[in-house]
Amino acid sequence: MIQINAETDTKFTLAGSIDHYEASKCKQLLQEYISKNKSEDIEINISGLSSVSSVTLAFLLFGLRLAKESSKSLHYKDMTPALFNMARVSGIENILITK
């Protein structure tokens, strides 16, 4: 299961894994953090993600869409090499890493 830990009001750490069975719970957790955050600029360190799958990529894209719908800017940092390679194969590495 995904864990989100606050470093500061605008910086968070995402750790753990996600599979298709728990994706909806993880999406709800991320939605809570983004919607409750008062900042317009949110940064999430994703170096602690232990899973690399299409579900993980979909989850990260969901976060970007959710932030945009909330008129916020979400930036992921410190993507693991395995996750970066999967994103690159999918052609979405520039979408996920914007800062």
PDB file of N, CA and C in Angstrom:
ATOM      1  N   MET A   1       0.847  -1.184   0.000  1.00  0.00           N
ATOM      2  CA  MET A   1       0.000   0.000   0.000  1.00  0.00           C
ATOM      3  C   MET A   1       0.886   1.238   0.000  1.00  0.00           C
ATOM      4  N   ILE A   2       0.419   2.269  -0.623  1.00  0.00           N
ATOM      5  CA  ILE A   2       1.119   3.549  -0.700  1.00  0.00           C
ATOM      6  C   ILE A   2       1.007   4.273   0.637  1.00  0.00           C
ATOM      7  N   GLN A   3       2.111   4.909   1.013  1.00  0.00           N
ATOM      8  CA  GLN A   3       2.115   5.782   2.186  1.00  0.00           C
ATOM      9  C   GLN A   3       2.557   7.162   1.722  1.00  0.00           C
ATOM     10  N   ILE A   4       1.887   8.181   2.215  1.00  0.00           N
ATOM     11  CA  ILE A   4       2.266   9.556   1.921  1.00  0.00           C
ATOM     12  C   ILE A   4       2.660  10.203   3.232  1.00  0.00           C
ATOM     13  N   ASN A   5       3.870  10.727   3.265  1.00  0.00           N
ATOM     14  CA  ASN A   5       4.377  11.388   4.463  1.00  0.00           C
ATOM     15  C   ASN A   5       4.692  12.836   4.138  1.00  0.00           C
ATOM     16  N   ALA A   6       4.282  13.733   5.008  1.00  0.00           N
ATOM     17  CA  ALA A   6       4.536  15.153   4.811  1.00  0.00           C
ATOM     18  C   ALA A   6       5.917  15.518   5.333  1.00  0.00           C
ATOM     19  N   GLU A   7       6.732  16.125   4.477  1.00  0.00           N
ATOM     20  CA  GLU A   7       8.015  16.682   4.898  1.00  0.00           C
ATOM     21  C   GLU A   7       7.804  18.124   5.352  1.00  0.00           C
ATOM     22  N   THR A   8       7.040  18.856   4.538  1.00  0.00           N
ATOM     23  CA  THR A   8       6.632  20.230   4.853  1.00  0.00           C
ATOM     24  C   THR A   8       5.193  20.360   4.380  1.00  0.00           C
ATOM     25  N   ASP A   9       4.669  21.571   4.402  1.00  0.00           N
ATOM     26  CA  ASP A   9       3.296  21.784   3.927  1.00  0.00           C
ATOM     27  C   ASP A   9       3.150  21.532   2.431  1.00  0.00           C
ATOM     28  N   THR A  10       4.241  21.668   1.691  1.00  0.00           N
ATOM     29  CA  THR A  10       4.159  21.531   0.238  1.00  0.00           C
ATOM     30  C   THR A  10       5.000  20.385  -0.316  1.00  0.00           C
ATOM     31  N   LYS A  11       5.762  19.709   0.541  1.00  0.00           N
ATOM     32  CA  LYS A  11       6.616  18.616   0.079  1.00  0.00           C
ATOM     33  C   LYS A  11       6.241  17.322   0.786  1.00  0.00           C
ATOM     34  N   PHE A  12       6.048  16.289  -0.031  1.00  0.00           N
ATOM     35  CA  PHE A  12       5.621  15.000   0.479  1.00  0.00           C
ATOM     36  C   PHE A  12       6.526  13.904  -0.053  1.00  0.00           C
ATOM     37  N   THR A  13       6.506  12.766   0.627  1.00  0.00           N
ATOM     38  CA  THR A  13       7.231  11.584   0.194  1.00  0.00           C
ATOM     39  C   THR A  13       6.224  10.471  -0.027  1.00  0.00           C
ATOM     40  N   LEU A  14       6.331   9.829  -1.159  1.00  0.00           N
ATOM     41  CA  LEU A  14       5.455   8.718  -1.512  1.00  0.00           C
ATOM     42  C   LEU A  14       6.293   7.450  -1.416  1.00  0.00           C
ATOM     43  N   ALA A  15       5.822   6.466  -0.671  1.00  0.00           N
ATOM     44  CA  ALA A  15       6.583   5.232  -0.492  1.00  0.00           C
ATOM     45  C   ALA A  15       5.651   4.032  -0.529  1.00  0.00           C
ATOM     46  N   GLY A  16       6.211   2.891  -0.862  1.00  0.00           N
ATOM     47  CA  GLY A  16       5.435   1.662  -0.883  1.00  0.00           C
ATOM     48  C   GLY A  16       5.155   1.195  -2.291  1.00  0.00           C
ATOM     49  N   SER A  17       4.179   0.348  -2.407  1.00  0.00           N
ATOM     50  CA  SER A  17       3.831  -0.200  -3.716  1.00  0.00           C
ATOM     51  C   SER A  17       2.324  -0.095  -3.930  1.00  0.00           C
ATOM     52  N   ILE A  18       1.956  -0.261  -5.158  1.00  0.00           N
ATOM     53  CA  ILE A  18       0.538  -0.189  -5.509  1.00  0.00           C
ATOM     54  C   ILE A  18       0.255  -1.277  -6.547  1.00  0.00           C
ATOM     55  N   ASP A  19      -0.835  -1.969  -6.352  1.00  0.00           N
ATOM     56  CA  ASP A  19      -1.269  -2.919  -7.364  1.00  0.00           C
ATOM     57  C   ASP A  19      -2.719  -2.611  -7.709  1.00  0.00           C
ATOM     58  N   HIS A  20      -3.246  -3.304  -8.679  1.00  0.00           N
ATOM     59  CA  HIS A  20      -4.590  -2.963  -9.143  1.00  0.00           C
ATOM     60  C   HIS A  20      -5.669  -3.229  -8.093  1.00  0.00           C
ATOM     61  N   TYR A  21      -5.383  -4.065  -7.104  1.00  0.00           N
ATOM     62  CA  TYR A  21      -6.366  -4.345  -6.053  1.00  0.00           C
ATOM     63  C   TYR A  21      -6.544  -3.159  -5.102  1.00  0.00           C
ATOM     64  N   GLU A  22      -5.475  -2.436  -4.854  1.00  0.00           N
ATOM     65  CA  GLU A  22      -5.555  -1.336  -3.891  1.00  0.00           C
ATOM     66  C   GLU A  22      -5.478   0.041  -4.552  1.00  0.00           C
ATOM     67  N   ALA A  23      -5.568   0.085  -5.860  1.00  0.00           N
ATOM     68  CA  ALA A  23      -5.429   1.352  -6.588  1.00  0.00           C
ATOM     69  C   ALA A  23      -6.467   2.383  -6.162  1.00  0.00           C
ATOM     70  N   SER A  24      -7.702   1.989  -5.966  1.00  0.00           N
ATOM     71  CA  SER A  24      -8.725   2.970  -5.606  1.00  0.00           C
ATOM     72  C   SER A  24      -8.477   3.563  -4.220  1.00  0.00           C
ATOM     73  N   LYS A  25      -8.004   2.751  -3.268  1.00  0.00           N
ATOM     74  CA  LYS A  25      -7.665   3.271  -1.942  1.00  0.00           C
ATOM     75  C   LYS A  25      -6.505   4.264  -2.029  1.00  0.00           C
ATOM     76  N   CYS A  26      -5.525   3.920  -2.847  1.00  0.00           N
ATOM     77  CA  CYS A  26      -4.362   4.798  -3.014  1.00  0.00           C
ATOM     78  C   CYS A  26      -4.764   6.106  -3.681  1.00  0.00           C
ATOM     79  N   LYS A  27      -5.661   6.029  -4.644  1.00  0.00           N
ATOM     80  CA  LYS A  27      -6.133   7.241  -5.312  1.00  0.00           C
ATOM     81  C   LYS A  27      -6.874   8.142  -4.330  1.00  0.00           C
ATOM     82  N   GLN A  28      -7.675   7.558  -3.451  1.00  0.00           N
ATOM     83  CA  GLN A  28      -8.389   8.350  -2.445  1.00  0.00           C
ATOM     84  C   GLN A  28      -7.421   9.040  -1.500  1.00  0.00           C
ATOM     85  N   LEU A  29      -6.362   8.345  -1.118  1.00  0.00           N
ATOM     86  CA  LEU A  29      -5.359   8.908  -0.230  1.00  0.00           C
ATOM     87  C   LEU A  29      -4.660  10.103  -0.891  1.00  0.00           C
ATOM     88  N   LEU A  30      -4.253   9.942  -2.134  1.00  0.00           N
ATOM     89  CA  LEU A  30      -3.612  11.038  -2.851  1.00  0.00           C
ATOM     90  C   LEU A  30      -4.578  12.206  -3.044  1.00  0.00           C
ATOM     91  N   GLN A  31      -5.824  11.902  -3.338  1.00  0.00           N
ATOM     92  CA  GLN A  31      -6.827  12.944  -3.515  1.00  0.00           C
ATOM     93  C   GLN A  31      -6.996  13.764  -2.240  1.00  0.00           C
ATOM     94  N   GLU A  32      -6.984  13.122  -1.096  1.00  0.00           N
ATOM     95  CA  GLU A  32      -7.094  13.835   0.178  1.00  0.00           C
ATOM     96  C   GLU A  32      -5.933  14.801   0.370  1.00  0.00           C
ATOM     97  N   TYR A  33      -4.729  14.340   0.105  1.00  0.00           N
ATOM     98  CA  TYR A  33      -3.549  15.188   0.295  1.00  0.00           C
ATOM     99  C   TYR A  33      -3.565  16.389  -0.649  1.00  0.00           C
ATOM    100  N   ILE A  34      -3.938  16.163  -1.881  1.00  0.00           N
ATOM    101  CA  ILE A  34      -3.938  17.266  -2.845  1.00  0.00           C
ATOM    102  C   ILE A  34      -5.063  18.244  -2.550  1.00  0.00           C
ATOM    103  N   SER A  35      -6.257  17.747  -2.283  1.00  0.00           N
ATOM    104  CA  SER A  35      -7.386  18.644  -2.064  1.00  0.00           C
ATOM    105  C   SER A  35      -7.275  19.430  -0.760  1.00  0.00           C
ATOM    106  N   LYS A  36      -6.686  18.837   0.267  1.00  0.00           N
ATOM    107  CA  LYS A  36      -6.553  19.529   1.550  1.00  0.00           C
ATOM    108  C   LYS A  36      -5.371  20.489   1.589  1.00  0.00           C
ATOM    109  N   ASN A  37      -4.445  20.358   0.643  1.00  0.00           N
ATOM    110  CA  ASN A  37      -3.263  21.209   0.641  1.00  0.00           C
ATOM    111  C   ASN A  37      -3.630  22.607   0.155  1.00  0.00           C
ATOM    112  N   LYS A  38      -3.255  23.600   0.909  1.00  0.00           N
ATOM    113  CA  LYS A  38      -3.591  24.982   0.572  1.00  0.00           C
ATOM    114  C   LYS A  38      -2.639  25.582  -0.461  1.00  0.00           C
ATOM    115  N   SER A  39      -1.491  24.981  -0.634  1.00  0.00           N
ATOM    116  CA  SER A  39      -0.502  25.487  -1.583  1.00  0.00           C
ATOM    117  C   SER A  39      -0.927  25.193  -3.017  1.00  0.00           C
ATOM    118  N   GLU A  40      -0.522  26.068  -3.926  1.00  0.00           N
ATOM    119  CA  GLU A  40      -0.788  25.841  -5.342  1.00  0.00           C
ATOM    120  C   GLU A  40       0.324  25.035  -5.991  1.00  0.00           C
ATOM    121  N   ASP A  41       1.433  24.850  -5.286  1.00  0.00           N
ATOM    122  CA  ASP A  41       2.585  24.149  -5.824  1.00  0.00           C
ATOM    123  C   ASP A  41       2.980  23.024  -4.867  1.00  0.00           C
ATOM    124  N   ILE A  42       2.806  21.785  -5.290  1.00  0.00           N
ATOM    125  CA  ILE A  42       3.053  20.616  -4.439  1.00  0.00           C
ATOM    126  C   ILE A  42       4.161  19.776  -5.071  1.00  0.00           C
ATOM    127  N   GLU A  43       5.076  19.301  -4.240  1.00  0.00           N
ATOM    128  CA  GLU A  43       6.167  18.449  -4.704  1.00  0.00           C
ATOM    129  C   GLU A  43       6.104  17.114  -3.979  1.00  0.00           C
ATOM    130  N   ILE A  44       6.210  16.037  -4.736  1.00  0.00           N
ATOM    131  CA  ILE A  44       6.182  14.700  -4.143  1.00  0.00           C
ATOM    132  C   ILE A  44       7.432  13.935  -4.564  1.00  0.00           C
ATOM    133  N   ASN A  45       8.206  13.518  -3.576  1.00  0.00           N
ATOM    134  CA  ASN A  45       9.383  12.686  -3.807  1.00  0.00           C
ATOM    135  C   ASN A  45       8.899  11.248  -3.967  1.00  0.00           C
ATOM    136  N   ILE A  46       9.185  10.651  -5.110  1.00  0.00           N
ATOM    137  CA  ILE A  46       8.682   9.303  -5.388  1.00  0.00           C
ATOM    138  C   ILE A  46       9.787   8.254  -5.375  1.00  0.00           C
ATOM    139  N   SER A  47      10.935   8.591  -4.784  1.00  0.00           N
ATOM    140  CA  SER A  47      12.046   7.642  -4.745  1.00  0.00           C
ATOM    141  C   SER A  47      11.722   6.416  -3.892  1.00  0.00           C
ATOM    142  N   GLY A  48      10.726   6.502  -3.021  1.00  0.00           N
ATOM    143  CA  GLY A  48      10.367   5.389  -2.155  1.00  0.00           C
ATOM    144  C   GLY A  48       9.369   4.415  -2.753  1.00  0.00           C
ATOM    145  N   LEU A  49       8.943   4.651  -3.991  1.00  0.00           N
ATOM    146  CA  LEU A  49       8.023   3.708  -4.628  1.00  0.00           C
ATOM    147  C   LEU A  49       8.752   2.419  -4.940  1.00  0.00           C
ATOM    148  N   SER A  50       8.206   1.313  -4.491  1.00  0.00           N
ATOM    149  CA  SER A  50       8.866   0.027  -4.695  1.00  0.00           C
ATOM    150  C   SER A  50       8.274  -0.767  -5.843  1.00  0.00           C
ATOM    151  N   SER A  51       7.178  -0.305  -6.415  1.00  0.00           N
ATOM    152  CA  SER A  51       6.592  -1.043  -7.530  1.00  0.00           C
ATOM    153  C   SER A  51       6.786  -0.274  -8.831  1.00  0.00           C
ATOM    154  N   VAL A  52       6.976  -1.024  -9.880  1.00  0.00           N
ATOM    155  CA  VAL A  52       7.117  -0.448 -11.212  1.00  0.00           C
ATOM    156  C   VAL A  52       6.152  -1.198 -12.113  1.00  0.00           C
ATOM    157  N   SER A  53       5.039  -0.557 -12.414  1.00  0.00           N
ATOM    158  CA  SER A  53       4.035  -1.198 -13.252  1.00  0.00           C
ATOM    159  C   SER A  53       3.191  -0.133 -13.925  1.00  0.00           C
ATOM    160  N   SER A  54       2.336  -0.580 -14.812  1.00  0.00           N
ATOM    161  CA  SER A  54       1.427   0.362 -15.465  1.00  0.00           C
ATOM    162  C   SER A  54       0.460   0.971 -14.451  1.00  0.00           C
ATOM    163  N   VAL A  55       0.158   0.246 -13.394  1.00  0.00           N
ATOM    164  CA  VAL A  55      -0.707   0.776 -12.334  1.00  0.00           C
ATOM    165  C   VAL A  55      -0.009   1.947 -11.642  1.00  0.00           C
ATOM    166  N   THR A  56       1.290   1.813 -11.402  1.00  0.00           N
ATOM    167  CA  THR A  56       2.057   2.892 -10.777  1.00  0.00           C
ATOM    168  C   THR A  56       2.047   4.130 -11.660  1.00  0.00           C
ATOM    169  N   LEU A  57       2.298   3.945 -12.954  1.00  0.00           N
ATOM    170  CA  LEU A  57       2.286   5.080 -13.876  1.00  0.00           C
ATOM    171  C   LEU A  57       0.907   5.724 -13.946  1.00  0.00           C
ATOM    172  N   ALA A  58      -0.131   4.909 -13.988  1.00  0.00           N
ATOM    173  CA  ALA A  58      -1.491   5.448 -14.025  1.00  0.00           C
ATOM    174  C   ALA A  58      -1.792   6.242 -12.755  1.00  0.00           C
ATOM    175  N   PHE A  59      -1.325   5.757 -11.625  1.00  0.00           N
ATOM    176  CA  PHE A  59      -1.513   6.445 -10.350  1.00  0.00           C
ATOM    177  C   PHE A  59      -0.827   7.812 -10.368  1.00  0.00           C
ATOM    178  N   LEU A  60       0.398   7.873 -10.877  1.00  0.00           N
ATOM    179  CA  LEU A  60       1.118   9.139 -10.945  1.00  0.00           C
ATOM    180  C   LEU A  60       0.435  10.121 -11.910  1.00  0.00           C
ATOM    181  N   LEU A  61      -0.045   9.608 -13.026  1.00  0.00           N
ATOM    182  CA  LEU A  61      -0.779  10.465 -13.968  1.00  0.00           C
ATOM    183  C   LEU A  61      -2.084  10.955 -13.357  1.00  0.00           C
ATOM    184  N   PHE A  62      -2.748  10.105 -12.593  1.00  0.00           N
ATOM    185  CA  PHE A  62      -3.964  10.509 -11.887  1.00  0.00           C
ATOM    186  C   PHE A  62      -3.677  11.696 -10.975  1.00  0.00           C
ATOM    187  N   GLY A  63      -2.563  11.642 -10.250  1.00  0.00           N
ATOM    188  CA  GLY A  63      -2.190  12.745  -9.361  1.00  0.00           C
ATOM    189  C   GLY A  63      -2.012  14.047 -10.117  1.00  0.00           C
ATOM    190  N   LEU A  64      -1.367  13.991 -11.284  1.00  0.00           N
ATOM    191  CA  LEU A  64      -1.179  15.199 -12.088  1.00  0.00           C
ATOM    192  C   LEU A  64      -2.520  15.761 -12.563  1.00  0.00           C
ATOM    193  N   ARG A  65      -3.402  14.878 -12.999  1.00  0.00           N
ATOM    194  CA  ARG A  65      -4.715  15.325 -13.466  1.00  0.00           C
ATOM    195  C   ARG A  65      -5.530  15.928 -12.325  1.00  0.00           C
ATOM    196  N   LEU A  66      -5.479  15.279 -11.185  1.00  0.00           N
ATOM    197  CA  LEU A  66      -6.209  15.767 -10.019  1.00  0.00           C
ATOM    198  C   LEU A  66      -5.716  17.153  -9.595  1.00  0.00           C
ATOM    199  N   ALA A  67      -4.410  17.326  -9.582  1.00  0.00           N
ATOM    200  CA  ALA A  67      -3.836  18.626  -9.219  1.00  0.00           C
ATOM    201  C   ALA A  67      -4.274  19.698 -10.211  1.00  0.00           C
ATOM    202  N   LYS A  68      -4.236  19.370 -11.479  1.00  0.00           N
ATOM    203  CA  LYS A  68      -4.644  20.338 -12.505  1.00  0.00           C
ATOM    204  C   LYS A  68      -6.112  20.713 -12.338  1.00  0.00           C
ATOM    205  N   GLU A  69      -6.959  19.743 -12.062  1.00  0.00           N
ATOM    206  CA  GLU A  69      -8.381  20.014 -11.851  1.00  0.00           C
ATOM    207  C   GLU A  69      -8.613  20.870 -10.614  1.00  0.00           C
ATOM    208  N   SER A  70      -7.675  20.812  -9.661  1.00  0.00           N
ATOM    209  CA  SER A  70      -7.763  21.607  -8.430  1.00  0.00           C
ATOM    210  C   SER A  70      -7.006  22.925  -8.547  1.00  0.00           C
ATOM    211  N   SER A  71      -6.583  23.254  -9.774  1.00  0.00           N
ATOM    212  CA  SER A  71      -5.813  24.482 -10.048  1.00  0.00           C
ATOM    213  C   SER A  71      -4.525  24.527  -9.242  1.00  0.00           C
ATOM    214  N   LYS A  72      -3.877  23.370  -9.134  1.00  0.00           N
ATOM    215  CA  LYS A  72      -2.611  23.269  -8.422  1.00  0.00           C
ATOM    216  C   LYS A  72      -1.565  22.678  -9.358  1.00  0.00           C
ATOM    217  N   SER A  73      -0.335  22.850  -8.989  1.00  0.00           N
ATOM    218  CA  SER A  73       0.771  22.312  -9.762  1.00  0.00           C
ATOM    219  C   SER A  73       1.439  21.218  -8.937  1.00  0.00           C
ATOM    220  N   LEU A  74       1.517  20.020  -9.495  1.00  0.00           N
ATOM    221  CA  LEU A  74       2.113  18.885  -8.812  1.00  0.00           C
ATOM    222  C   LEU A  74       3.377  18.476  -9.560  1.00  0.00           C
ATOM    223  N   HIS A  75       4.472  18.314  -8.816  1.00  0.00           N
ATOM    224  CA  HIS A  75       5.754  17.924  -9.397  1.00  0.00           C
ATOM    225  C   HIS A  75       6.262  16.685  -8.682  1.00  0.00           C
ATOM    226  N   TYR A  76       6.665  15.692  -9.468  1.00  0.00           N
ATOM    227  CA  TYR A  76       7.291  14.507  -8.906  1.00  0.00           C
ATOM    228  C   TYR A  76       8.798  14.676  -9.014  1.00  0.00           C
ATOM    229  N   LYS A  77       9.522  14.223  -7.990  1.00  0.00           N
ATOM    230  CA  LYS A  77      10.981  14.287  -8.062  1.00  0.00           C
ATOM    231  C   LYS A  77      11.581  12.969  -7.598  1.00  0.00           C
ATOM    232  N   ASP A  78      12.805  12.736  -8.025  1.00  0.00           N
ATOM    233  CA  ASP A  78      13.580  11.550  -7.655  1.00  0.00           C
ATOM    234  C   ASP A  78      12.918  10.240  -8.073  1.00  0.00           C
ATOM    235  N   MET A  79      12.548  10.164  -9.338  1.00  0.00           N
ATOM    236  CA  MET A  79      11.978   8.931  -9.877  1.00  0.00           C
ATOM    237  C   MET A  79      13.065   7.867  -9.943  1.00  0.00           C
ATOM    238  N   THR A  80      12.746   6.656  -9.532  1.00  0.00           N
ATOM    239  CA  THR A  80      13.716   5.563  -9.596  1.00  0.00           C
ATOM    240  C   THR A  80      14.048   5.254 -11.062  1.00  0.00           C
ATOM    241  N   PRO A  81      15.250   4.747 -11.318  1.00  0.00           N
ATOM    242  CA  PRO A  81      15.616   4.426 -12.702  1.00  0.00           C
ATOM    243  C   PRO A  81      14.652   3.436 -13.370  1.00  0.00           C
ATOM    244  N   ALA A  82      14.206   2.440 -12.639  1.00  0.00           N
ATOM    245  CA  ALA A  82      13.284   1.453 -13.227  1.00  0.00           C
ATOM    246  C   ALA A  82      11.962   2.108 -13.621  1.00  0.00           C
ATOM    247  N   LEU A  83      11.445   2.977 -12.764  1.00  0.00           N
ATOM    248  CA  LEU A  83      10.193   3.661 -13.078  1.00  0.00           C
ATOM    249  C   LEU A  83      10.395   4.647 -14.225  1.00  0.00           C
ATOM    250  N   PHE A  84      11.541   5.345 -14.236  1.00  0.00           N
ATOM    251  CA  PHE A  84      11.837   6.265 -15.326  1.00  0.00           C
ATOM    252  C   PHE A  84      11.894   5.521 -16.655  1.00  0.00           C
ATOM    253  N   ASN A  85      12.541   4.352 -16.667  1.00  0.00           N
ATOM    254  CA  ASN A  85      12.634   3.580 -17.908  1.00  0.00           C
ATOM    255  C   ASN A  85      11.268   3.128 -18.391  1.00  0.00           C
ATOM    256  N   MET A  86      10.417   2.738 -17.471  1.00  0.00           N
ATOM    257  CA  MET A  86       9.067   2.342 -17.871  1.00  0.00           C
ATOM    258  C   MET A  86       8.305   3.542 -18.431  1.00  0.00           C
ATOM    259  N   ALA A  87       8.434   4.689 -17.789  1.00  0.00           N
ATOM    260  CA  ALA A  87       7.781   5.905 -18.282  1.00  0.00           C
ATOM    261  C   ALA A  87       8.334   6.288 -19.652  1.00  0.00           C
ATOM    262  N   ARG A  88       9.640   6.123 -19.838  1.00  0.00           N
ATOM    263  CA  ARG A  88      10.280   6.467 -21.109  1.00  0.00           C
ATOM    264  C   ARG A  88       9.773   5.567 -22.228  1.00  0.00           C
ATOM    265  N   VAL A  89       9.643   4.282 -21.950  1.00  0.00           N
ATOM    266  CA  VAL A  89       9.117   3.349 -22.950  1.00  0.00           C
ATOM    267  C   VAL A  89       7.691   3.736 -23.333  1.00  0.00           C
ATOM    268  N   SER A  90       6.949   4.233 -22.350  1.00  0.00           N
ATOM    269  CA  SER A  90       5.570   4.660 -22.597  1.00  0.00           C
ATOM    270  C   SER A  90       5.490   6.050 -23.206  1.00  0.00           C
ATOM    271  N   GLY A  91       6.619   6.771 -23.229  1.00  0.00           N
ATOM    272  CA  GLY A  91       6.639   8.117 -23.802  1.00  0.00           C
ATOM    273  C   GLY A  91       6.082   9.191 -22.890  1.00  0.00           C
ATOM    274  N   ILE A  92       6.062   8.932 -21.580  1.00  0.00           N
ATOM    275  CA  ILE A  92       5.468   9.920 -20.671  1.00  0.00           C
ATOM    276  C   ILE A  92       6.460  10.449 -19.627  1.00  0.00           C
ATOM    277  N   GLU A  93       7.746  10.194 -19.803  1.00  0.00           N
ATOM    278  CA  GLU A  93       8.722  10.643 -18.811  1.00  0.00           C
ATOM    279  C   GLU A  93       8.734  12.159 -18.666  1.00  0.00           C
ATOM    280  N   ASN A  94       8.544  12.889 -19.760  1.00  0.00           N
ATOM    281  CA  ASN A  94       8.526  14.362 -19.675  1.00  0.00           C
ATOM    282  C   ASN A  94       7.257  14.885 -19.026  1.00  0.00           C
ATOM    283  N   ILE A  95       6.211  14.127 -19.049  1.00  0.00           N
ATOM    284  CA  ILE A  95       4.962  14.530 -18.389  1.00  0.00           C
ATOM    285  C   ILE A  95       5.113  14.350 -16.883  1.00  0.00           C
ATOM    286  N   LEU A  96       5.761  13.265 -16.461  1.00  0.00           N
ATOM    287  CA  LEU A  96       5.883  12.972 -15.034  1.00  0.00           C
ATOM    288  C   LEU A  96       6.948  13.809 -14.343  1.00  0.00           C
ATOM    289  N   ILE A  97       8.042  14.071 -15.031  1.00  0.00           N
ATOM    290  CA  ILE A  97       9.122  14.862 -14.445  1.00  0.00           C
ATOM    291  C   ILE A  97       9.125  16.222 -15.126  1.00  0.00           C
ATOM    292  N   THR A  98       8.575  17.210 -14.435  1.00  0.00           N
ATOM    293  CA  THR A  98       8.410  18.527 -15.045  1.00  0.00           C
ATOM    294  C   THR A  98       9.268  19.595 -14.408  1.00  0.00           C
ATOM    295  N   LYS A  99       9.985  19.274 -13.368  1.00  0.00           N
ATOM    296  CA  LYS A  99      10.742  20.301 -12.655  1.00  0.00           C
ATOM    297  C   LYS A  99      12.182  19.907 -12.522  1.00  0.00           C
TER     298      LYS A  99
END
